[in-house]
């Protein structure tokens, strides 16, 4: 019976560990029941949501970038960078929305 060197044994153990992690531990988060969102049906809008931190009075919010969820003293806020346009002038600001009274289903926050 041939002797296996320590280096070869270590290599095989690492290879086996890699194969096991790749095959068995790669379940996608979207496949967990209750968290998957169907891209074709959309999400439920939040009625009455208004961005209060920044007001584009005569302009409009063109896009939201870098969305994040932030928890402060048990309250959850959606925070994003907003690109606003007022006529030919555009500017960038930070928007936040307190997420109160939202159910467990996916929701959409209107941009205007």
PDB file of N, CA and C in Angstrom:
ATOM      1  N   UNK A   1       0.847  -1.171   0.000  1.00  0.00           N
ATOM      2  CA  UNK A   1       0.000   0.000   0.000  1.00  0.00           C
ATOM      3  C   UNK A   1       0.896   1.241   0.000  1.00  0.00           C
ATOM      4  N   UNK A   2       0.729   2.125  -0.963  1.00  0.00           N
ATOM      5  CA  UNK A   2       1.588   3.313  -1.033  1.00  0.00           C
ATOM      6  C   UNK A   2       1.261   4.296   0.080  1.00  0.00           C
ATOM      7  N   UNK A   3       2.298   4.994   0.533  1.00  0.00           N
ATOM      8  CA  UNK A   3       2.110   5.998   1.575  1.00  0.00           C
ATOM      9  C   UNK A   3       1.722   7.320   0.925  1.00  0.00           C
ATOM     10  N   UNK A   4       0.768   7.985   1.535  1.00  0.00           N
ATOM     11  CA  UNK A   4       0.317   9.269   1.020  1.00  0.00           C
ATOM     12  C   UNK A   4       1.062  10.372   1.756  1.00  0.00           C
ATOM     13  N   UNK A   5       1.619  11.302   1.021  1.00  0.00           N
ATOM     14  CA  UNK A   5       2.350  12.389   1.672  1.00  0.00           C
ATOM     15  C   UNK A   5       1.376  13.346   2.357  1.00  0.00           C
ATOM     16  N   UNK A   6       1.887  14.066   3.318  1.00  0.00           N
ATOM     17  CA  UNK A   6       1.073  15.010   4.082  1.00  0.00           C
ATOM     18  C   UNK A   6       0.540  16.122   3.177  1.00  0.00           C
ATOM     19  N   UNK A   7       1.331  16.586   2.216  1.00  0.00           N
ATOM     20  CA  UNK A   7       0.905  17.650   1.302  1.00  0.00           C
ATOM     21  C   UNK A   7      -0.236  17.185   0.403  1.00  0.00           C
ATOM     22  N   UNK A   8      -0.139  15.963  -0.093  1.00  0.00           N
ATOM     23  CA  UNK A   8      -1.192  15.432  -0.944  1.00  0.00           C
ATOM     24  C   UNK A   8      -2.481  15.249  -0.151  1.00  0.00           C
ATOM     25  N   UNK A   9      -2.359  14.764   1.078  1.00  0.00           N
ATOM     26  CA  UNK A   9      -3.532  14.599   1.931  1.00  0.00           C
ATOM     27  C   UNK A   9      -4.207  15.948   2.202  1.00  0.00           C
ATOM     28  N   UNK A  10      -3.416  16.968   2.514  1.00  0.00           N
ATOM     29  CA  UNK A  10      -3.970  18.307   2.764  1.00  0.00           C
ATOM     30  C   UNK A  10      -4.666  18.847   1.522  1.00  0.00           C
ATOM     31  N   UNK A  11      -4.052  18.643   0.371  1.00  0.00           N
ATOM     32  CA  UNK A  11      -4.635  19.102  -0.880  1.00  0.00           C
ATOM     33  C   UNK A  11      -5.976  18.419  -1.129  1.00  0.00           C
ATOM     34  N   UNK A  12      -6.057  17.114  -0.914  1.00  0.00           N
ATOM     35  CA  UNK A  12      -7.299  16.380  -1.140  1.00  0.00           C
ATOM     36  C   UNK A  12      -8.393  16.801  -0.167  1.00  0.00           C
ATOM     37  N   UNK A  13      -8.028  17.058   1.076  1.00  0.00           N
ATOM     38  CA  UNK A  13      -9.020  17.517   2.054  1.00  0.00           C
ATOM     39  C   UNK A  13      -9.568  18.879   1.647  1.00  0.00           C
ATOM     40  N   UNK A  14      -8.699  19.793   1.225  1.00  0.00           N
ATOM     41  CA  UNK A  14      -9.152  21.111   0.776  1.00  0.00           C
ATOM     42  C   UNK A  14     -10.017  21.012  -0.477  1.00  0.00           C
ATOM     43  N   UNK A  15      -9.651  20.131  -1.388  1.00  0.00           N
ATOM     44  CA  UNK A  15     -10.441  19.934  -2.598  1.00  0.00           C
ATOM     45  C   UNK A  15     -11.824  19.382  -2.259  1.00  0.00           C
ATOM     46  N   UNK A  16     -11.881  18.425  -1.352  1.00  0.00           N
ATOM     47  CA  UNK A  16     -13.158  17.865  -0.926  1.00  0.00           C
ATOM     48  C   UNK A  16     -14.016  18.929  -0.245  1.00  0.00           C
ATOM     49  N   UNK A  17     -13.414  19.741   0.594  1.00  0.00           N
ATOM     50  CA  UNK A  17     -14.141  20.822   1.263  1.00  0.00           C
ATOM     51  C   UNK A  17     -14.694  21.819   0.246  1.00  0.00           C
ATOM     52  N   UNK A  18     -13.901  22.175  -0.748  1.00  0.00           N
ATOM     53  CA  UNK A  18     -14.342  23.094  -1.796  1.00  0.00           C
ATOM     54  C   UNK A  18     -15.523  22.519  -2.573  1.00  0.00           C
ATOM     55  N   UNK A  19     -15.440  21.237  -2.934  1.00  0.00           N
ATOM     56  CA  UNK A  19     -16.523  20.597  -3.685  1.00  0.00           C
ATOM     57  C   UNK A  19     -17.797  20.555  -2.851  1.00  0.00           C
ATOM     58  N   UNK A  20     -17.683  20.227  -1.576  1.00  0.00           N
ATOM     59  CA  UNK A  20     -18.859  20.182  -0.710  1.00  0.00           C
ATOM     60  C   UNK A  20     -19.496  21.558  -0.552  1.00  0.00           C
ATOM     61  N   UNK A  21     -18.686  22.586  -0.363  1.00  0.00           N
ATOM     62  CA  UNK A  21     -19.227  23.936  -0.224  1.00  0.00           C
ATOM     63  C   UNK A  21     -19.866  24.422  -1.514  1.00  0.00           C
ATOM     64  N   UNK A  22     -19.274  24.070  -2.634  1.00  0.00           N
ATOM     65  CA  UNK A  22     -19.812  24.503  -3.918  1.00  0.00           C
ATOM     66  C   UNK A  22     -21.129  23.804  -4.233  1.00  0.00           C
ATOM     67  N   UNK A  23     -21.194  22.519  -3.994  1.00  0.00           N
ATOM     68  CA  UNK A  23     -22.387  21.756  -4.360  1.00  0.00           C
ATOM     69  C   UNK A  23     -23.507  21.867  -3.335  1.00  0.00           C
ATOM     70  N   UNK A  24     -23.185  21.824  -2.075  1.00  0.00           N
ATOM     71  CA  UNK A  24     -24.212  21.721  -1.041  1.00  0.00           C
ATOM     72  C   UNK A  24     -24.547  23.048  -0.370  1.00  0.00           C
ATOM     73  N   UNK A  25     -23.661  24.004  -0.401  1.00  0.00           N
ATOM     74  CA  UNK A  25     -23.907  25.231   0.344  1.00  0.00           C
ATOM     75  C   UNK A  25     -24.212  26.430  -0.509  1.00  0.00           C
ATOM     76  N   UNK A  26     -24.681  26.218  -1.734  1.00  0.00           N
ATOM     77  CA  UNK A  26     -24.892  27.356  -2.621  1.00  0.00           C
ATOM     78  C   UNK A  26     -26.362  27.615  -2.895  1.00  0.00           C
ATOM     79  N   UNK A  27     -27.213  27.448  -1.896  1.00  0.00           N
ATOM     80  CA  UNK A  27     -28.629  27.736  -2.073  1.00  0.00           C
ATOM     81  C   UNK A  27     -28.806  29.243  -2.143  1.00  0.00           C
ATOM     82  N   UNK A  28     -29.489  29.716  -3.161  1.00  0.00           N
ATOM     83  CA  UNK A  28     -29.696  31.154  -3.341  1.00  0.00           C
ATOM     84  C   UNK A  28     -30.697  31.668  -2.327  1.00  0.00           C
ATOM     85  N   UNK A  29     -30.507  32.911  -1.878  1.00  0.00           N
ATOM     86  CA  UNK A  29     -31.409  33.505  -0.895  1.00  0.00           C
ATOM     87  C   UNK A  29     -32.803  33.690  -1.463  1.00  0.00           C
ATOM     88  N   UNK A  30     -32.925  33.907  -2.758  1.00  0.00           N
ATOM     89  CA  UNK A  30     -34.230  34.096  -3.377  1.00  0.00           C
ATOM     90  C   UNK A  30     -35.062  32.836  -3.416  1.00  0.00           C
ATOM     91  N   UNK A  31     -34.462  31.682  -3.216  1.00  0.00           N
ATOM     92  CA  UNK A  31     -35.217  30.443  -3.254  1.00  0.00           C
ATOM     93  C   UNK A  31     -35.794  30.067  -1.896  1.00  0.00           C
ATOM     94  N   UNK A  32     -35.511  30.853  -0.873  1.00  0.00           N
ATOM     95  CA  UNK A  32     -36.098  30.604   0.435  1.00  0.00           C
ATOM     96  C   UNK A  32     -37.564  31.023   0.371  1.00  0.00           C
ATOM     97  N   UNK A  33     -38.507  30.150   0.732  1.00  0.00           N
ATOM     98  CA  UNK A  33     -39.921  30.503   0.634  1.00  0.00           C
ATOM     99  C   UNK A  33     -40.235  31.770   1.428  1.00  0.00           C
ATOM    100  N   UNK A  34     -41.034  32.632   0.840  1.00  0.00           N
ATOM    101  CA  UNK A  34     -41.441  33.858   1.514  1.00  0.00           C
ATOM    102  C   UNK A  34     -40.563  35.052   1.220  1.00  0.00           C
ATOM    103  N   UNK A  35     -39.383  34.861   0.630  1.00  0.00           N
ATOM    104  CA  UNK A  35     -38.519  35.999   0.329  1.00  0.00           C
ATOM    105  C   UNK A  35     -38.340  36.215  -1.161  1.00  0.00           C
ATOM    106  N   UNK A  36     -38.791  35.274  -1.978  1.00  0.00           N
ATOM    107  CA  UNK A  36     -38.628  35.413  -3.420  1.00  0.00           C
ATOM    108  C   UNK A  36     -39.629  36.425  -3.963  1.00  0.00           C
ATOM    109  N   UNK A  37     -39.181  37.271  -4.899  1.00  0.00           N
ATOM    110  CA  UNK A  37     -40.034  38.271  -5.534  1.00  0.00           C
ATOM    111  C   UNK A  37     -40.137  37.925  -7.007  1.00  0.00           C
ATOM    112  N   UNK A  38     -41.366  37.824  -7.510  1.00  0.00           N
ATOM    113  CA  UNK A  38     -41.575  37.574  -8.922  1.00  0.00           C
ATOM    114  C   UNK A  38     -41.334  38.867  -9.680  1.00  0.00           C
ATOM    115  N   UNK A  39     -40.359  38.898 -10.570  1.00  0.00           N
ATOM    116  CA  UNK A  39     -40.000  40.115 -11.289  1.00  0.00           C
ATOM    117  C   UNK A  39     -41.092  40.586 -12.231  1.00  0.00           C
ATOM    118  N   UNK A  40     -42.002  39.714 -12.632  1.00  0.00           N
ATOM    119  CA  UNK A  40     -43.016  40.087 -13.601  1.00  0.00           C
ATOM    120  C   UNK A  40     -44.297  40.602 -12.964  1.00  0.00           C
ATOM    121  N   UNK A  41     -44.502  40.348 -11.682  1.00  0.00           N
ATOM    122  CA  UNK A  41     -45.716  40.845 -11.031  1.00  0.00           C
ATOM    123  C   UNK A  41     -45.476  42.129 -10.265  1.00  0.00           C
ATOM    124  N   UNK A  42     -44.242  42.480  -9.979  1.00  0.00           N
ATOM    125  CA  UNK A  42     -43.955  43.728  -9.278  1.00  0.00           C
ATOM    126  C   UNK A  42     -44.166  43.606  -7.786  1.00  0.00           C
ATOM    127  N   UNK A  43     -44.258  44.753  -7.137  1.00  0.00           N
ATOM    128  CA  UNK A  43     -44.420  44.796  -5.692  1.00  0.00           C
ATOM    129  C   UNK A  43     -45.615  45.656  -5.339  1.00  0.00           C
ATOM    130  N   UNK A  44     -46.045  45.588  -4.110  1.00  0.00           N
ATOM    131  CA  UNK A  44     -47.183  46.368  -3.642  1.00  0.00           C
ATOM    132  C   UNK A  44     -46.710  47.774  -3.269  1.00  0.00           C
ATOM    133  N   UNK A  45     -47.318  48.831  -3.852  1.00  0.00           N
ATOM    134  CA  UNK A  45     -46.878  50.192  -3.514  1.00  0.00           C
ATOM    135  C   UNK A  45     -47.305  50.597  -2.105  1.00  0.00           C
ATOM    136  N   UNK A  46     -46.524  51.468  -1.481  1.00  0.00           N
ATOM    137  CA  UNK A  46     -46.864  52.025  -0.177  1.00  0.00           C
ATOM    138  C   UNK A  46     -47.674  53.285  -0.428  1.00  0.00           C
ATOM    139  N   UNK A  47     -48.915  53.301   0.001  1.00  0.00           N
ATOM    140  CA  UNK A  47     -49.748  54.474  -0.242  1.00  0.00           C
ATOM    141  C   UNK A  47     -49.376  55.590   0.719  1.00  0.00           C
ATOM    142  N   UNK A  48     -49.353  56.803   0.209  1.00  0.00           N
ATOM    143  CA  UNK A  48     -49.077  57.970   1.040  1.00  0.00           C
ATOM    144  C   UNK A  48     -47.624  58.186   1.384  1.00  0.00           C
ATOM    145  N   UNK A  49     -46.700  57.467   0.765  1.00  0.00           N
ATOM    146  CA  UNK A  49     -45.282  57.663   1.070  1.00  0.00           C
ATOM    147  C   UNK A  49     -44.787  58.919   0.370  1.00  0.00           C
ATOM    148  N   UNK A  50     -44.133  59.785   1.111  1.00  0.00           N
ATOM    149  CA  UNK A  50     -43.582  61.013   0.552  1.00  0.00           C
ATOM    150  C   UNK A  50     -42.166  61.176   1.074  1.00  0.00           C
ATOM    151  N   UNK A  51     -41.279  61.601   0.213  1.00  0.00           N
ATOM    152  CA  UNK A  51     -39.911  61.876   0.621  1.00  0.00           C
ATOM    153  C   UNK A  51     -39.901  63.259   1.241  1.00  0.00           C
ATOM    154  N   UNK A  52     -39.653  63.345   2.546  1.00  0.00           N
ATOM    155  CA  UNK A  52     -39.757  64.613   3.249  1.00  0.00           C
ATOM    156  C   UNK A  52     -38.428  65.331   3.412  1.00  0.00           C
ATOM    157  N   UNK A  53     -37.317  64.653   3.265  1.00  0.00           N
ATOM    158  CA  UNK A  53     -36.020  65.261   3.512  1.00  0.00           C
ATOM    159  C   UNK A  53     -35.611  66.237   2.419  1.00  0.00           C
ATOM    160  N   UNK A  54     -36.111  66.049   1.215  1.00  0.00           N
ATOM    161  CA  UNK A  54     -35.699  66.866   0.089  1.00  0.00           C
ATOM    162  C   UNK A  54     -36.906  67.106  -0.788  1.00  0.00           C
ATOM    163  N   UNK A  55     -37.172  68.331  -1.110  1.00  0.00           N
ATOM    164  CA  UNK A  55     -38.358  68.628  -1.895  1.00  0.00           C
ATOM    165  C   UNK A  55     -37.959  69.180  -3.252  1.00  0.00           C
ATOM    166  N   UNK A  56     -38.339  68.479  -4.285  1.00  0.00           N
ATOM    167  CA  UNK A  56     -38.136  68.945  -5.651  1.00  0.00           C
ATOM    168  C   UNK A  56     -39.438  69.629  -6.048  1.00  0.00           C
ATOM    169  N   UNK A  57     -39.600  70.895  -5.654  1.00  0.00           N
ATOM    170  CA  UNK A  57     -40.884  71.576  -5.777  1.00  0.00           C
ATOM    171  C   UNK A  57     -41.344  71.651  -7.224  1.00  0.00           C
ATOM    172  N   UNK A  58     -40.541  72.233  -8.093  1.00  0.00           N
ATOM    173  CA  UNK A  58     -40.941  72.356  -9.486  1.00  0.00           C
ATOM    174  C   UNK A  58     -40.219  71.350 -10.365  1.00  0.00           C
ATOM    175  N   UNK A  59     -39.462  70.495  -9.773  1.00  0.00           N
ATOM    176  CA  UNK A  59     -38.724  69.490 -10.531  1.00  0.00           C
ATOM    177  C   UNK A  59     -39.272  68.118 -10.252  1.00  0.00           C
ATOM    178  N   UNK A  60     -38.492  67.146 -10.550  1.00  0.00           N
ATOM    179  CA  UNK A  60     -38.917  65.782 -10.288  1.00  0.00           C
ATOM    180  C   UNK A  60     -37.703  64.934  -9.946  1.00  0.00           C
ATOM    181  N   UNK A  61     -37.955  63.883  -9.193  1.00  0.00           N
ATOM    182  CA  UNK A  61     -36.900  62.929  -8.866  1.00  0.00           C
ATOM    183  C   UNK A  61     -36.689  62.060 -10.097  1.00  0.00           C
ATOM    184  N   UNK A  62     -35.479  62.069 -10.635  1.00  0.00           N
ATOM    185  CA  UNK A  62     -35.181  61.329 -11.856  1.00  0.00           C
ATOM    186  C   UNK A  62     -34.765  59.892 -11.559  1.00  0.00           C
ATOM    187  N   UNK A  63     -34.000  59.685 -10.503  1.00  0.00           N
ATOM    188  CA  UNK A  63     -33.565  58.328 -10.181  1.00  0.00           C
ATOM    189  C   UNK A  63     -33.120  58.260  -8.731  1.00  0.00           C
ATOM    190  N   UNK A  64     -33.195  57.061  -8.182  1.00  0.00           N
ATOM    191  CA  UNK A  64     -32.697  56.775  -6.834  1.00  0.00           C
ATOM    192  C   UNK A  64     -31.553  55.782  -6.980  1.00  0.00           C
ATOM    193  N   UNK A  65     -30.436  56.061  -6.305  1.00  0.00           N
ATOM    194  CA  UNK A  65     -29.268  55.183  -6.374  1.00  0.00           C
ATOM    195  C   UNK A  65     -28.825  54.806  -4.977  1.00  0.00           C
ATOM    196  N   UNK A  66     -28.113  53.732  -4.875  1.00  0.00           N
ATOM    197  CA  UNK A  66     -27.520  53.235  -3.635  1.00  0.00           C
ATOM    198  C   UNK A  66     -28.578  53.133  -2.525  1.00  0.00           C
ATOM    199  N   UNK A  67     -29.652  52.372  -2.762  1.00  0.00           N
ATOM    200  CA  UNK A  67     -30.663  52.236  -1.709  1.00  0.00           C
ATOM    201  C   UNK A  67     -30.143  51.409  -0.539  1.00  0.00           C
ATOM    202  N   UNK A  68     -30.546  51.797   0.662  1.00  0.00           N
ATOM    203  CA  UNK A  68     -30.134  51.087   1.873  1.00  0.00           C
ATOM    204  C   UNK A  68     -31.281  51.078   2.865  1.00  0.00           C
ATOM    205  N   UNK A  69     -31.274  50.102   3.742  1.00  0.00           N
ATOM    206  CA  UNK A  69     -32.193  50.080   4.875  1.00  0.00           C
ATOM    207  C   UNK A  69     -31.382  50.365   6.126  1.00  0.00           C
ATOM    208  N   UNK A  70     -31.868  51.294   6.949  1.00  0.00           N
ATOM    209  CA  UNK A  70     -31.159  51.708   8.153  1.00  0.00           C
ATOM    210  C   UNK A  70     -32.109  51.566   9.331  1.00  0.00           C
ATOM    211  N   UNK A  71     -31.620  50.988  10.438  1.00  0.00           N
ATOM    212  CA  UNK A  71     -32.428  50.873  11.651  1.00  0.00           C
ATOM    213  C   UNK A  71     -31.882  51.841  12.697  1.00  0.00           C
ATOM    214  N   UNK A  72     -32.785  52.687  13.223  1.00  0.00           N
ATOM    215  CA  UNK A  72     -32.421  53.645  14.260  1.00  0.00           C
ATOM    216  C   UNK A  72     -33.430  53.495  15.393  1.00  0.00           C
ATOM    217  N   UNK A  73     -32.984  53.051  16.554  1.00  0.00           N
ATOM    218  CA  UNK A  73     -33.847  52.856  17.727  1.00  0.00           C
ATOM    219  C   UNK A  73     -35.093  52.041  17.403  1.00  0.00           C
ATOM    220  N   UNK A  74     -34.944  50.983  16.636  1.00  0.00           N
ATOM    221  CA  UNK A  74     -36.057  50.102  16.315  1.00  0.00           C
ATOM    222  C   UNK A  74     -36.895  50.546  15.130  1.00  0.00           C
ATOM    223  N   UNK A  75     -36.676  51.736  14.595  1.00  0.00           N
ATOM    224  CA  UNK A  75     -37.404  52.221  13.422  1.00  0.00           C
ATOM    225  C   UNK A  75     -36.556  51.971  12.180  1.00  0.00           C
ATOM    226  N   UNK A  76     -37.191  51.508  11.114  1.00  0.00           N
ATOM    227  CA  UNK A  76     -36.474  51.200   9.881  1.00  0.00           C
ATOM    228  C   UNK A  76     -36.749  52.290   8.853  1.00  0.00           C
ATOM    229  N   UNK A  77     -35.676  52.761   8.199  1.00  0.00           N
ATOM    230  CA  UNK A  77     -35.766  53.812   7.192  1.00  0.00           C
ATOM    231  C   UNK A  77     -35.161  53.309   5.890  1.00  0.00           C
ATOM    232  N   UNK A  78     -35.768  53.712   4.771  1.00  0.00           N
ATOM    233  CA  UNK A  78     -35.162  53.509   3.455  1.00  0.00           C
ATOM    234  C   UNK A  78     -34.407  54.785   3.122  1.00  0.00           C
ATOM    235  N   UNK A  79     -33.139  54.661   2.768  1.00  0.00           N
ATOM    236  CA  UNK A  79     -32.294  55.817   2.472  1.00  0.00           C
ATOM    237  C   UNK A  79     -31.696  55.610   1.079  1.00  0.00           C
ATOM    238  N   UNK A  80     -31.679  56.686   0.263  1.00  0.00           N
ATOM    239  CA  UNK A  80     -31.128  56.577  -1.088  1.00  0.00           C
ATOM    240  C   UNK A  80     -30.592  57.921  -1.554  1.00  0.00           C
ATOM    241  N   UNK A  81     -29.687  57.867  -2.507  1.00  0.00           N
ATOM    242  CA  UNK A  81     -29.214  59.075  -3.185  1.00  0.00           C
ATOM    243  C   UNK A  81     -30.208  59.384  -4.299  1.00  0.00           C
ATOM    244  N   UNK A  82     -30.652  60.639  -4.402  1.00  0.00           N
ATOM    245  CA  UNK A  82     -31.652  61.019  -5.400  1.00  0.00           C
ATOM    246  C   UNK A  82     -31.064  61.999  -6.402  1.00  0.00           C
ATOM    247  N   UNK A  83     -31.361  61.768  -7.659  1.00  0.00           N
ATOM    248  CA  UNK A  83     -31.010  62.702  -8.726  1.00  0.00           C
ATOM    249  C   UNK A  83     -32.283  63.469  -9.071  1.00  0.00           C
ATOM    250  N   UNK A  84     -32.312  64.774  -8.781  1.00  0.00           N
ATOM    251  CA  UNK A  84     -33.477  65.608  -9.072  1.00  0.00           C
ATOM    252  C   UNK A  84     -33.173  66.515 -10.249  1.00  0.00           C
ATOM    253  N   UNK A  85     -34.228  66.875 -10.974  1.00  0.00           N
ATOM    254  CA  UNK A  85     -34.066  67.774 -12.107  1.00  0.00           C
ATOM    255  C   UNK A  85     -35.147  68.835 -12.029  1.00  0.00           C
ATOM    256  N   UNK A  86     -34.724  70.091 -12.140  1.00  0.00           N
ATOM    257  CA  UNK A  86     -35.633  71.228 -12.127  1.00  0.00           C
ATOM    258  C   UNK A  86     -35.322  72.054 -13.370  1.00  0.00           C
ATOM    259  N   UNK A  87     -36.092  71.840 -14.426  1.00  0.00           N
ATOM    260  CA  UNK A  87     -35.798  72.498 -15.690  1.00  0.00           C
ATOM    261  C   UNK A  87     -34.512  71.948 -16.274  1.00  0.00           C
ATOM    262  N   UNK A  88     -33.525  72.823 -16.468  1.00  0.00           N
ATOM    263  CA  UNK A  88     -32.236  72.382 -17.006  1.00  0.00           C
ATOM    264  C   UNK A  88     -31.213  72.135 -15.905  1.00  0.00           C
ATOM    265  N   UNK A  89     -31.577  72.418 -14.657  1.00  0.00           N
ATOM    266  CA  UNK A  89     -30.668  72.255 -13.523  1.00  0.00           C
ATOM    267  C   UNK A  89     -30.938  70.907 -12.860  1.00  0.00           C
ATOM    268  N   UNK A  90     -29.884  70.156 -12.618  1.00  0.00           N
ATOM    269  CA  UNK A  90     -30.040  68.905 -11.882  1.00  0.00           C
ATOM    270  C   UNK A  90     -29.146  68.945 -10.653  1.00  0.00           C
ATOM    271  N   UNK A  91     -29.570  68.271  -9.598  1.00  0.00           N
ATOM    272  CA  UNK A  91     -28.811  68.252  -8.361  1.00  0.00           C
ATOM    273  C   UNK A  91     -29.014  66.923  -7.666  1.00  0.00           C
ATOM    274  N   UNK A  92     -28.136  66.636  -6.713  1.00  0.00           N
ATOM    275  CA  UNK A  92     -28.145  65.372  -5.989  1.00  0.00           C
ATOM    276  C   UNK A  92     -28.451  65.626  -4.527  1.00  0.00           C
ATOM    277  N   UNK A  93     -29.242  64.764  -3.930  1.00  0.00           N
ATOM    278  CA  UNK A  93     -29.565  64.877  -2.516  1.00  0.00           C
ATOM    279  C   UNK A  93     -29.746  63.503  -1.900  1.00  0.00           C
ATOM    280  N   UNK A  94     -29.965  63.479  -0.607  1.00  0.00           N
ATOM    281  CA  UNK A  94     -30.201  62.238   0.128  1.00  0.00           C
ATOM    282  C   UNK A  94     -31.662  62.225   0.562  1.00  0.00           C
ATOM    283  N   UNK A  95     -32.345  61.140   0.262  1.00  0.00           N
ATOM    284  CA  UNK A  95     -33.745  60.984   0.631  1.00  0.00           C
ATOM    285  C   UNK A  95     -33.868  59.872   1.658  1.00  0.00           C
ATOM    286  N   UNK A  96     -34.811  60.035   2.568  1.00  0.00           N
ATOM    287  CA  UNK A  96     -35.089  58.959   3.523  1.00  0.00           C
ATOM    288  C   UNK A  96     -36.588  58.872   3.743  1.00  0.00           C
ATOM    289  N   UNK A  97     -37.057  57.667   4.022  1.00  0.00           N
ATOM    290  CA  UNK A  97     -38.480  57.426   4.259  1.00  0.00           C
ATOM    291  C   UNK A  97     -38.608  56.449   5.415  1.00  0.00           C
ATOM    292  N   UNK A  98     -39.390  56.841   6.428  1.00  0.00           N
ATOM    293  CA  UNK A  98     -39.656  55.956   7.562  1.00  0.00           C
ATOM    294  C   UNK A  98     -40.600  54.861   7.093  1.00  0.00           C
ATOM    295  N   UNK A  99     -40.220  53.623   7.286  1.00  0.00           N
ATOM    296  CA  UNK A  99     -41.027  52.489   6.845  1.00  0.00           C
ATOM    297  C   UNK A  99     -41.864  51.988   8.011  1.00  0.00           C
ATOM    298  N   UNK A 100     -42.991  52.620   8.222  1.00  0.00           N
ATOM    299  CA  UNK A 100     -43.879  52.209   9.313  1.00  0.00           C
ATOM    300  C   UNK A 100     -45.142  51.597   8.725  1.00  0.00           C
ATOM    301  N   UNK A 101     -45.661  50.608   9.378  1.00  0.00           N
ATOM    302  CA  UNK A 101     -46.905  49.979   8.957  1.00  0.00           C
ATOM    303  C   UNK A 101     -46.802  49.206   7.651  1.00  0.00           C
ATOM    304  N   UNK A 102     -45.645  48.660   7.351  1.00  0.00           N
ATOM    305  CA  UNK A 102     -45.466  47.900   6.120  1.00  0.00           C
ATOM    306  C   UNK A 102     -45.554  46.422   6.465  1.00  0.00           C
ATOM    307  N   UNK A 103     -46.290  45.681   5.653  1.00  0.00           N
ATOM    308  CA  UNK A 103     -46.456  44.254   5.890  1.00  0.00           C
ATOM    309  C   UNK A 103     -45.210  43.469   5.524  1.00  0.00           C
ATOM    310  N   UNK A 104     -45.362  42.172   5.450  1.00  0.00           N
ATOM    311  CA  UNK A 104     -44.229  41.298   5.169  1.00  0.00           C
ATOM    312  C   UNK A 104     -43.998  41.089   3.680  1.00  0.00           C
ATOM    313  N   UNK A 105     -44.966  41.482   2.826  1.00  0.00           N
ATOM    314  CA  UNK A 105     -44.802  41.288   1.390  1.00  0.00           C
ATOM    315  C   UNK A 105     -43.894  42.370   0.802  1.00  0.00           C
ATOM    316  N   UNK A 106     -43.288  42.128  -0.362  1.00  0.00           N
ATOM    317  CA  UNK A 106     -42.436  43.135  -1.001  1.00  0.00           C
ATOM    318  C   UNK A 106     -43.227  44.400  -1.296  1.00  0.00           C
ATOM    319  N   UNK A 107     -42.619  45.548  -1.092  1.00  0.00           N
ATOM    320  CA  UNK A 107     -43.309  46.818  -1.299  1.00  0.00           C
ATOM    321  C   UNK A 107     -42.482  47.743  -2.180  1.00  0.00           C
ATOM    322  N   UNK A 108     -43.149  48.736  -2.743  1.00  0.00           N
ATOM    323  CA  UNK A 108     -42.493  49.721  -3.596  1.00  0.00           C
ATOM    324  C   UNK A 108     -42.757  51.102  -3.024  1.00  0.00           C
ATOM    325  N   UNK A 109     -41.716  51.924  -2.938  1.00  0.00           N
ATOM    326  CA  UNK A 109     -41.856  53.280  -2.424  1.00  0.00           C
ATOM    327  C   UNK A 109     -41.857  54.225  -3.610  1.00  0.00           C
ATOM    328  N   UNK A 110     -42.931  55.022  -3.803  1.00  0.00           N
ATOM    329  CA  UNK A 110     -42.954  55.937  -4.941  1.00  0.00           C
ATOM    330  C   UNK A 110     -41.864  56.990  -4.833  1.00  0.00           C
ATOM    331  N   UNK A 111     -41.357  57.453  -5.982  1.00  0.00           N
ATOM    332  CA  UNK A 111     -40.256  58.408  -6.000  1.00  0.00           C
ATOM    333  C   UNK A 111     -40.722  59.852  -5.965  1.00  0.00           C
ATOM    334  N   UNK A 112     -41.957  60.157  -5.991  1.00  0.00           N
ATOM    335  CA  UNK A 112     -42.354  61.559  -6.073  1.00  0.00           C
ATOM    336  C   UNK A 112     -43.319  62.004  -5.061  1.00  0.00           C
TER     337      UNK A 112
END
